[in-house]
Amino acid sequence: MRHMTKDDLLAEIERDRASHIAFLQAFIREPSPNPPGDTRQAAAVVARYLAHRNVGASIVAPREDLPNVVSEFEGGRSGRRLVMNGHIDVFPVGDGKGWSRDPWSGALEDGHVHGRGACDMKAGTAASVIAFSYLHAQRAALAGSLCLTAVSDEETGGRWGSHWLLENDTRWHGDCMINAEPGGLQTVRFAEKGTLRLTFTVRTAGAHGAYLHKSESATRIAASLINRLGQIETIVPDLAPSLRAYLALPEVRAAADRAMGAGAADIMTCPTLNIGTVQGGLKVNMIPASCVFEADVRLPIGLDADRVMQTIHAILADYPQAEVAVQEAASNPSNSCAHDHPMVSILARNAEAVSGVRPVAIPSLGATDCKFWRYRKVPAYIYGPAPTRMAAADECVAVEEFITVIKTHALSAWDYLTGGN
């Protein structure tokens, strides 16, 4: 009997394109906004698809309304262990205002599938599920093992999803992980910025608005402090010289700007500061006695929260005229893995063969569940569709990009598990 080749696998996936699209449409049509986070019906779509393909799967639900669909299989001989990961939960839509069609329509129009989560990331998760099922059918030809983790709690931090799985069961760690979050077909993501969320509270005595000689204004101090906090963006991260040189390459910078917008390359290796909320004062003719503002600092590779806090405390020392407190609300370190790992070249080679575009390895500015694997020293890489109107009204995904991601992930897993480096 002739053994299946990569070309055969590719032909099978292409032959079944109508069923792939139908699966994605059904997946989108089951709302799974998080918050509130009930993903049971959407997870059931995944479980039914795998059952139809004769793939055994389990539901792991540390919280009943946030089930994780997991599966694994062994190949025909020993080898490496690869994990495919994606999430089922999506952003909320509120009252649906601004949408030109039902946010949960899954409509197929003009070469796109429409609906909340279409690109972030039901297309990517569906692609992983589909690729996994085709590889399961050919498992005897593979070396090592393959895992699938379709999780239900990425949008609110992963406590009941990827983080929980990795904390409680080493089966899902693996030797490498691939993910299809929306990053664009031009890139493979190998790193992410970390987050440092801070709440600043400024307090003064306060007074009548005409009596400025009696009290400092908490809002004016806050405004000054916000401007001074811009110093954070001048901190230089401690990058390995080889990585710094790689990220400075013209083709890497160009790929970052194409994928994330002009200017993205300039902030890939720099910390950034966003003041997300400011609340102060009670009435226009009163000197505010308090002002509270929240800061979102993004930490590039090579910069930890402690260095940022040292800078902040040095700045706060210059404000003795007020009581200023800073509270750390949440923090995740930046995370990265090798930009020249074999999986990067495997993904790039297969993506180019499928789409004609060879992706370039770059860091992401935002965060994904990849961080949980990278924190455990497991290389994790993203190759997914474009973030077309991600988190906005009329979110959609191009059908051709969806099919490209299915093929690229299937072929790359095949290569990784057959030694086709």
Protein backbone atom coordinates (compact mmCIF):
# COMPACT_ATOMS: atom_id res chain seq x y z
CA MET A 1 0.00 0.00 0.00
CA ARG A 2 1.33 3.44 -0.94
CA HIS A 3 2.04 5.71 2.00
CA MET A 4 0.35 9.10 2.09
CA THR A 5 2.54 12.03 1.10
CA LYS A 6 2.27 15.71 1.99
CA ASP A 7 0.79 16.30 -1.45
CA ASP A 8 -1.91 13.73 -0.70
CA LEU A 9 -2.66 15.44 2.62
CA LEU A 10 -2.89 18.80 0.89
CA ALA A 11 -5.24 17.37 -1.76
CA GLU A 12 -7.54 15.88 0.89
CA ILE A 13 -7.80 19.18 2.74
CA GLU A 14 -8.53 21.06 -0.49
CA ARG A 15 -11.13 18.51 -1.57
CA ASP A 16 -13.09 19.06 1.65
CA ARG A 17 -13.00 22.85 1.66
CA ALA A 18 -16.83 23.16 1.71
CA SER A 19 -17.02 21.15 4.94
CA HIS A 20 -14.27 23.30 6.51
CA ILE A 21 -16.25 26.45 5.79
CA ALA A 22 -19.47 24.89 7.10
CA PHE A 23 -17.71 23.92 10.34
CA LEU A 24 -16.41 27.47 10.83
CA GLN A 25 -19.88 28.90 10.17
CA ALA A 26 -21.47 26.55 12.70
CA PHE A 27 -18.77 27.44 15.23
CA ILE A 28 -19.36 31.19 14.85
CA ARG A 29 -23.14 30.75 15.07
CA GLU A 30 -22.86 29.51 18.66
CA PRO A 31 -22.19 32.71 20.67
CA SER A 32 -19.30 32.44 23.12
CA PRO A 33 -18.61 36.01 24.35
CA ASN A 34 -16.30 36.26 27.36
CA PRO A 35 -17.42 37.88 29.54
CA PRO A 36 -19.83 36.42 30.51
CA GLY A 37 -18.04 33.31 29.24
CA ASP A 38 -20.50 30.47 28.72
CA THR A 39 -18.88 28.54 25.85
CA ARG A 40 -20.65 25.21 26.25
CA GLN A 41 -22.57 25.31 22.97
CA ALA A 42 -19.57 26.45 20.93
CA ALA A 43 -17.39 23.79 22.56
CA ALA A 44 -20.03 21.22 21.65
CA VAL A 45 -19.61 22.17 17.97
CA VAL A 46 -15.90 21.31 18.25
CA ALA A 47 -16.59 18.05 20.07
CA ARG A 48 -19.19 16.99 17.48
CA TYR A 49 -16.83 17.74 14.60
CA LEU A 50 -14.10 15.57 16.14
CA ALA A 51 -16.56 12.76 16.85
CA HIS A 52 -17.75 12.88 13.23
CA ARG A 53 -14.11 12.48 12.16
CA ASN A 54 -13.70 9.51 14.54
CA VAL A 55 -11.34 11.46 16.78
CA GLY A 56 -11.63 10.76 20.50
CA ALA A 57 -11.83 13.91 22.62
CA SER A 58 -12.46 14.79 26.25
CA ILE A 59 -14.04 17.74 28.01
CA VAL A 60 -11.96 19.21 30.83
CA ALA A 61 -14.04 21.80 32.67
CA PRO A 62 -12.63 23.17 35.94
CA ARG A 63 -15.49 25.65 35.60
CA GLU A 64 -18.66 24.11 34.18
CA ASP A 65 -19.53 26.93 31.79
CA LEU A 66 -15.97 27.14 30.40
CA PRO A 67 -15.21 23.67 29.02
CA ASN A 68 -11.93 22.86 27.30
CA VAL A 69 -11.97 20.31 24.48
CA VAL A 70 -8.76 18.24 24.47
CA SER A 71 -7.45 15.32 22.49
CA GLU A 72 -4.17 13.52 21.91
CA PHE A 73 -2.79 10.62 19.91
CA GLU A 74 0.44 8.69 19.51
CA GLY A 75 2.10 8.21 16.14
CA GLY A 76 3.45 4.99 14.71
CA ARG A 77 6.81 5.40 16.43
CA SER A 78 8.42 7.45 19.17
CA GLY A 79 9.37 11.09 18.63
CA ARG A 80 8.59 14.66 19.57
CA ARG A 81 5.35 15.92 21.09
CA LEU A 82 3.57 18.82 19.39
CA VAL A 83 0.64 20.78 20.81
CA MET A 84 -2.00 22.64 18.80
CA ASN A 85 -3.78 25.32 20.81
CA GLY A 86 -6.64 27.71 20.17
CA HIS A 87 -9.46 29.37 22.09
CA ILE A 88 -13.23 29.11 21.83
CA ASP A 89 -14.24 32.28 23.70
CA VAL A 90 -14.45 35.62 21.89
CA PHE A 91 -14.93 39.32 22.59
CA PRO A 92 -18.44 40.51 23.53
CA VAL A 93 -20.60 42.44 21.05
CA GLY A 94 -22.69 44.48 23.49
CA ASP A 95 -25.95 45.53 21.87
CA GLY A 96 -24.62 44.74 18.38
CA LYS A 97 -24.73 48.40 17.35
CA GLY A 98 -22.65 49.16 14.26
CA TRP A 99 -22.87 45.67 12.76
CA SER A 100 -24.22 45.43 9.22
CA ARG A 101 -25.43 41.86 9.85
CA ASP A 102 -26.13 39.61 12.82
CA PRO A 103 -22.85 39.36 14.83
CA TRP A 104 -23.43 35.60 15.10
CA SER A 105 -24.51 35.06 11.50
CA GLY A 106 -21.52 33.10 10.22
CA ALA A 107 -22.57 34.48 6.84
CA LEU A 108 -20.47 33.61 3.79
CA GLU A 109 -20.33 36.66 1.56
CA ASP A 110 -17.75 38.11 -0.83
CA GLY A 111 -15.19 35.45 0.01
CA HIS A 112 -15.38 36.10 3.76
CA VAL A 113 -17.05 34.41 6.72
CA HIS A 114 -18.59 37.03 8.99
CA GLY A 115 -19.31 37.21 12.70
CA ARG A 116 -17.83 37.84 16.12
CA GLY A 117 -14.76 35.69 16.58
CA ALA A 118 -14.37 35.05 12.85
CA CYS A 119 -10.69 36.05 12.98
CA ASP A 120 -10.14 36.12 16.76
CA MET A 121 -10.00 33.27 16.87
CA LYS A 122 -12.63 30.83 15.74
CA ALA A 123 -11.04 30.58 12.28
CA GLY A 124 -7.69 29.76 13.88
CA THR A 125 -9.14 27.29 16.36
CA ALA A 126 -11.22 25.64 13.64
CA ALA A 127 -8.09 25.40 11.49
CA SER A 128 -6.24 23.62 14.31
CA VAL A 129 -9.14 21.26 14.95
CA ILE A 130 -9.43 20.42 11.24
CA ALA A 131 -5.67 19.93 10.79
CA PHE A 132 -5.55 17.75 13.91
CA SER A 133 -8.32 15.51 12.57
CA TYR A 134 -6.54 14.92 9.25
CA LEU A 135 -3.29 14.10 11.01
CA HIS A 136 -5.14 11.76 13.36
CA ALA A 137 -6.30 9.78 10.33
CA GLN A 138 -2.65 9.38 9.25
CA ARG A 139 -1.20 8.90 12.73
CA ALA A 140 0.55 5.63 11.83
CA ALA A 141 2.84 7.59 9.49
CA LEU A 142 3.91 10.03 12.22
CA ALA A 143 6.61 9.86 14.85
CA GLY A 144 5.86 11.15 18.33
CA SER A 145 2.50 12.51 19.42
CA LEU A 146 0.10 15.36 18.75
CA CYS A 147 -2.19 17.17 21.20
CA LEU A 148 -5.14 19.50 20.72
CA THR A 149 -6.23 22.02 23.35
CA ALA A 150 -9.28 24.07 22.37
CA VAL A 151 -9.77 26.23 25.44
CA SER A 152 -12.53 28.46 26.75
CA ASP A 153 -10.89 31.20 28.78
CA GLU A 154 -8.32 33.15 26.77
CA GLU A 155 -10.07 36.52 26.58
CA THR A 156 -10.14 36.94 30.37
CA GLY A 157 -6.70 35.63 31.22
CA GLY A 158 -6.68 31.86 30.84
CA ARG A 159 -7.33 30.96 34.47
CA TRP A 160 -9.78 28.20 33.47
CA GLY A 161 -8.25 27.44 30.09
CA SER A 162 -4.64 27.07 28.95
CA HIS A 163 -3.18 28.17 32.29
CA TRP A 164 -5.28 25.61 34.16
CA LEU A 165 -4.41 22.78 31.75
CA LEU A 166 -0.68 23.42 31.96
CA GLU A 167 -0.75 23.79 35.74
CA ASN A 168 -2.68 20.57 36.29
CA ASP A 169 -1.60 18.13 33.59
CA THR A 170 1.88 17.84 32.05
CA ARG A 171 0.44 16.02 29.03
CA TRP A 172 -0.30 19.39 27.45
CA HIS A 173 3.22 20.83 27.78
CA GLY A 174 4.86 19.18 24.77
CA ASP A 175 8.14 19.95 23.02
CA CYS A 176 6.64 22.70 20.86
CA MET A 177 3.28 24.44 20.41
CA ILE A 178 1.64 26.05 17.38
CA ASN A 179 -1.31 28.42 17.49
CA ALA A 180 -3.39 30.24 14.85
CA GLU A 181 -4.23 33.54 16.57
CA PRO A 182 -4.77 36.39 14.07
CA GLY A 183 -1.29 37.56 13.15
CA GLY A 184 -1.43 37.74 9.36
CA LEU A 185 0.00 35.43 6.74
CA GLN A 186 3.15 37.54 6.49
CA THR A 187 4.37 36.71 9.99
CA VAL A 188 5.22 33.99 12.48
CA ARG A 189 5.06 35.33 16.03
CA PHE A 190 7.76 34.14 18.42
CA ALA A 191 7.40 36.60 21.32
CA GLU A 192 4.96 38.92 23.08
CA LYS A 193 5.18 41.99 25.20
CA GLY A 194 4.32 41.64 28.85
CA THR A 195 1.83 43.78 30.74
CA LEU A 196 2.09 45.88 33.87
CA ARG A 197 -1.21 47.41 35.01
CA LEU A 198 -1.02 50.14 37.64
CA THR A 199 -3.51 52.28 39.54
CA PHE A 200 -2.29 55.68 40.78
CA THR A 201 -4.16 57.61 43.46
CA VAL A 202 -3.32 61.27 44.14
CA ARG A 203 -4.74 62.95 47.24
CA THR A 204 -4.62 66.56 48.46
CA ALA A 205 -6.63 68.64 50.91
CA GLY A 206 -8.91 70.15 48.28
CA ALA A 207 -10.66 73.52 48.54
CA HIS A 208 -12.94 76.02 46.83
CA GLY A 209 -11.94 76.54 43.21
CA ALA A 210 -11.07 80.21 43.80
CA TYR A 211 -8.79 79.46 46.76
CA LEU A 212 -5.80 77.99 44.96
CA HIS A 213 -3.56 79.28 47.75
CA LYS A 214 -5.13 76.78 50.14
CA SER A 215 -4.58 73.46 48.37
CA GLU A 216 -2.81 71.78 45.52
CA SER A 217 -5.06 70.28 42.85
CA ALA A 218 -5.00 66.48 42.70
CA THR A 219 -5.88 66.56 39.00
CA ARG A 220 -3.08 69.00 38.11
CA ILE A 221 -0.59 66.86 40.03
CA ALA A 222 -1.91 63.80 38.23
CA ALA A 223 -1.53 65.55 34.87
CA SER A 224 2.08 66.43 35.69
CA LEU A 225 2.75 62.92 36.92
CA ILE A 226 1.29 61.38 33.76
CA ASN A 227 3.64 63.48 31.65
CA ARG A 228 6.61 62.47 33.79
CA LEU A 229 5.70 58.80 33.50
CA GLY A 230 6.53 59.09 29.83
CA GLN A 231 10.12 58.47 30.98
CA ILE A 232 9.17 54.79 31.10
CA GLU A 233 9.24 54.73 27.31
CA THR A 234 12.94 55.68 27.31
CA ILE A 235 14.06 52.60 29.28
CA VAL A 236 16.31 50.44 27.10
CA PRO A 237 15.59 46.70 27.42
CA ASP A 238 18.39 44.21 27.94
CA LEU A 239 18.35 42.31 24.65
CA ALA A 240 20.86 39.75 23.47
CA PRO A 241 22.99 41.40 20.74
CA SER A 242 22.01 38.75 18.20
CA LEU A 243 18.29 39.30 18.82
CA ARG A 244 18.68 43.09 18.75
CA ALA A 245 20.45 42.78 15.40
CA TYR A 246 17.74 40.47 14.05
CA LEU A 247 14.91 42.80 15.06
CA ALA A 248 16.70 45.70 13.37
CA LEU A 249 16.79 43.95 9.98
CA PRO A 250 14.84 45.92 7.34
CA GLU A 251 12.76 42.89 6.34
CA VAL A 252 11.77 42.24 9.98
CA ARG A 253 10.79 45.86 10.56
CA ALA A 254 8.84 45.95 7.30
CA ALA A 255 6.97 42.77 8.22
CA ALA A 256 6.00 44.24 11.61
CA ASP A 257 4.68 47.43 10.01
CA ARG A 258 2.72 45.50 7.38
CA ALA A 259 1.15 43.21 9.96
CA MET A 260 0.42 45.68 12.77
CA GLY A 261 0.41 49.09 11.10
CA ALA A 262 3.04 51.71 10.33
CA GLY A 263 5.11 52.46 13.42
CA ALA A 264 4.80 49.01 14.98
CA ALA A 265 8.46 48.26 14.26
CA ASP A 266 9.50 51.32 16.25
CA ILE A 267 7.87 50.07 19.45
CA MET A 268 8.57 46.32 19.19
CA THR A 269 11.61 46.65 21.44
CA CYS A 270 10.45 49.61 23.54
CA PRO A 271 8.19 49.86 26.56
CA THR A 272 4.96 51.79 25.99
CA LEU A 273 2.66 53.67 28.36
CA ASN A 274 -1.08 54.10 27.95
CA ILE A 275 -3.21 56.01 30.45
CA GLY A 276 -6.49 54.18 30.07
CA THR A 277 -8.72 55.96 32.60
CA VAL A 278 -8.63 59.22 34.60
CA GLN A 279 -11.18 60.11 37.30
CA GLY A 280 -10.96 63.21 39.44
CA GLY A 281 -12.95 66.06 40.91
CA LEU A 282 -16.54 66.52 42.02
CA LYS A 283 -17.53 69.93 40.60
CA VAL A 284 -16.03 72.48 38.24
CA ASN A 285 -15.52 75.14 40.92
CA MET A 286 -13.86 72.84 43.46
CA ILE A 287 -10.16 72.01 43.73
CA PRO A 288 -10.12 68.22 43.41
CA ALA A 289 -8.97 66.40 46.54
CA SER A 290 -8.37 63.17 44.67
CA CYS A 291 -7.57 61.83 41.22
CA VAL A 292 -7.26 58.21 40.22
CA PHE A 293 -5.78 57.06 36.93
CA GLU A 294 -4.89 53.67 35.47
CA ALA A 295 -1.76 52.97 33.46
CA ASP A 296 -1.08 50.09 31.08
CA VAL A 297 2.63 49.53 30.53
CA ARG A 298 3.71 47.04 27.86
CA LEU A 299 7.01 45.35 28.58
CA PRO A 300 9.19 44.29 25.64
CA ILE A 301 11.55 41.33 25.69
CA GLY A 302 14.42 42.11 28.03
CA LEU A 303 12.54 44.43 30.40
CA ASP A 304 10.91 43.33 33.64
CA ALA A 305 8.40 45.06 35.88
CA ASP A 306 10.96 45.74 38.63
CA ARG A 307 13.01 48.05 36.40
CA VAL A 308 9.88 49.98 35.47
CA MET A 309 8.81 50.30 39.11
CA GLN A 310 12.25 51.65 40.03
CA THR A 311 11.76 54.43 37.50
CA ILE A 312 8.24 55.13 38.78
CA HIS A 313 9.28 55.37 42.42
CA ALA A 314 12.09 57.77 41.49
CA ILE A 315 9.52 59.99 39.78
CA LEU A 316 7.09 59.84 42.71
CA ALA A 317 9.82 61.16 45.02
CA ASP A 318 9.46 64.50 43.23
CA TYR A 319 5.87 64.94 44.45
CA PRO A 320 6.13 65.63 48.22
CA GLN A 321 3.20 68.07 48.11
CA ALA A 322 0.65 65.27 47.74
CA GLU A 323 -0.08 61.77 48.89
CA VAL A 324 0.55 59.58 45.85
CA ALA A 325 0.00 55.84 45.99
CA VAL A 326 0.57 53.29 43.23
CA GLN A 327 -0.94 49.83 43.24
CA GLU A 328 0.00 47.02 40.89
CA ALA A 329 -3.23 45.54 39.51
CA ALA A 330 -1.82 42.83 37.26
CA SER A 331 1.43 41.91 35.59
CA ASN A 332 2.58 39.31 33.08
CA PRO A 333 6.24 39.18 32.08
CA SER A 334 7.20 39.45 28.44
CA ASN A 335 7.78 36.08 26.84
CA SER A 336 9.73 34.76 23.89
CA CYS A 337 11.26 31.72 22.30
CA ALA A 338 13.90 31.33 19.61
CA HIS A 339 13.23 33.27 16.41
CA ASP A 340 15.30 30.70 14.52
CA HIS A 341 13.79 27.52 15.98
CA PRO A 342 13.20 24.71 13.42
CA MET A 343 9.43 25.26 13.70
CA VAL A 344 9.84 28.79 12.35
CA SER A 345 11.45 27.55 9.17
CA ILE A 346 8.92 24.69 8.93
CA LEU A 347 5.99 27.11 9.15
CA ALA A 348 7.62 29.59 6.78
CA ARG A 349 8.43 26.96 4.18
CA ASN A 350 4.96 25.43 4.20
CA ALA A 351 3.19 28.80 4.25
CA GLU A 352 5.17 29.89 1.22
CA ALA A 353 4.38 26.64 -0.60
CA VAL A 354 0.65 27.08 0.10
CA SER A 355 0.21 30.84 -0.29
CA GLY A 356 3.27 32.12 -2.12
CA VAL A 357 4.09 34.37 0.84
CA ARG A 358 7.01 33.51 3.13
CA PRO A 359 6.28 34.81 6.64
CA VAL A 360 8.90 36.54 8.77
CA ALA A 361 9.37 35.90 12.50
CA ILE A 362 8.44 38.95 14.61
CA PRO A 363 7.24 39.69 18.17
CA SER A 364 3.60 40.52 18.92
CA LEU A 365 2.55 43.69 20.70
CA GLY A 366 -0.47 42.03 22.36
CA ALA A 367 -0.82 38.90 24.47
CA THR A 368 -2.04 35.36 23.76
CA ASP A 369 -2.08 31.99 25.50
CA CYS A 370 1.33 31.27 23.96
CA LYS A 371 2.81 32.95 27.02
CA PHE A 372 1.83 30.03 29.25
CA TRP A 373 3.90 27.62 27.18
CA ARG A 374 6.82 30.02 26.83
CA TYR A 375 6.87 30.57 30.61
CA ARG A 376 7.49 26.81 30.83
CA LYS A 377 10.31 26.97 28.27
CA VAL A 378 8.18 25.32 25.57
CA PRO A 379 8.65 27.09 22.21
CA ALA A 380 5.28 28.44 20.98
CA TYR A 381 4.60 30.00 17.59
CA ILE A 382 1.67 31.77 15.95
CA TYR A 383 0.70 31.59 12.30
CA GLY A 384 -2.84 32.75 11.65
CA PRO A 385 -5.13 34.87 9.47
CA ALA A 386 -5.25 38.65 9.29
CA PRO A 387 -6.93 40.41 12.24
CA THR A 388 -9.68 41.79 9.99
CA ARG A 389 -11.81 44.08 12.17
CA MET A 390 -10.71 42.13 15.23
CA ALA A 391 -12.75 43.17 18.29
CA ALA A 392 -14.72 45.59 16.08
CA ALA A 393 -18.09 45.54 14.33
CA ASP A 394 -18.28 43.47 11.14
CA GLU A 395 -15.42 41.16 12.14
CA CYS A 396 -14.68 38.65 9.38
CA VAL A 397 -12.06 36.30 7.98
CA ALA A 398 -11.10 35.67 4.36
CA VAL A 399 -11.95 32.12 3.29
CA GLU A 400 -8.67 31.74 1.42
CA GLU A 401 -6.70 32.77 4.50
CA PHE A 402 -8.65 30.30 6.62
CA ILE A 403 -7.89 27.48 4.19
CA THR A 404 -4.24 28.56 3.99
CA VAL A 405 -3.92 28.34 7.77
CA ILE A 406 -5.47 24.85 7.84
CA LYS A 407 -3.04 23.62 5.20
CA THR A 408 0.02 25.33 6.70
CA HIS A 409 -0.63 23.96 10.20
CA ALA A 410 -1.35 20.46 8.91
CA LEU A 411 1.76 20.35 6.73
CA SER A 412 3.96 21.89 9.43
CA ALA A 413 2.78 19.39 12.06
CA TRP A 414 3.42 16.62 9.53
CA ASP A 415 6.99 17.84 8.98
CA TYR A 416 7.67 18.30 12.69
CA LEU A 417 6.43 14.78 13.44
CA THR A 418 8.21 13.09 10.54
CA GLY A 419 11.56 14.87 10.85
CA GLY A 420 10.96 16.98 7.76
CA ASN A 421 12.98 19.95 9.02
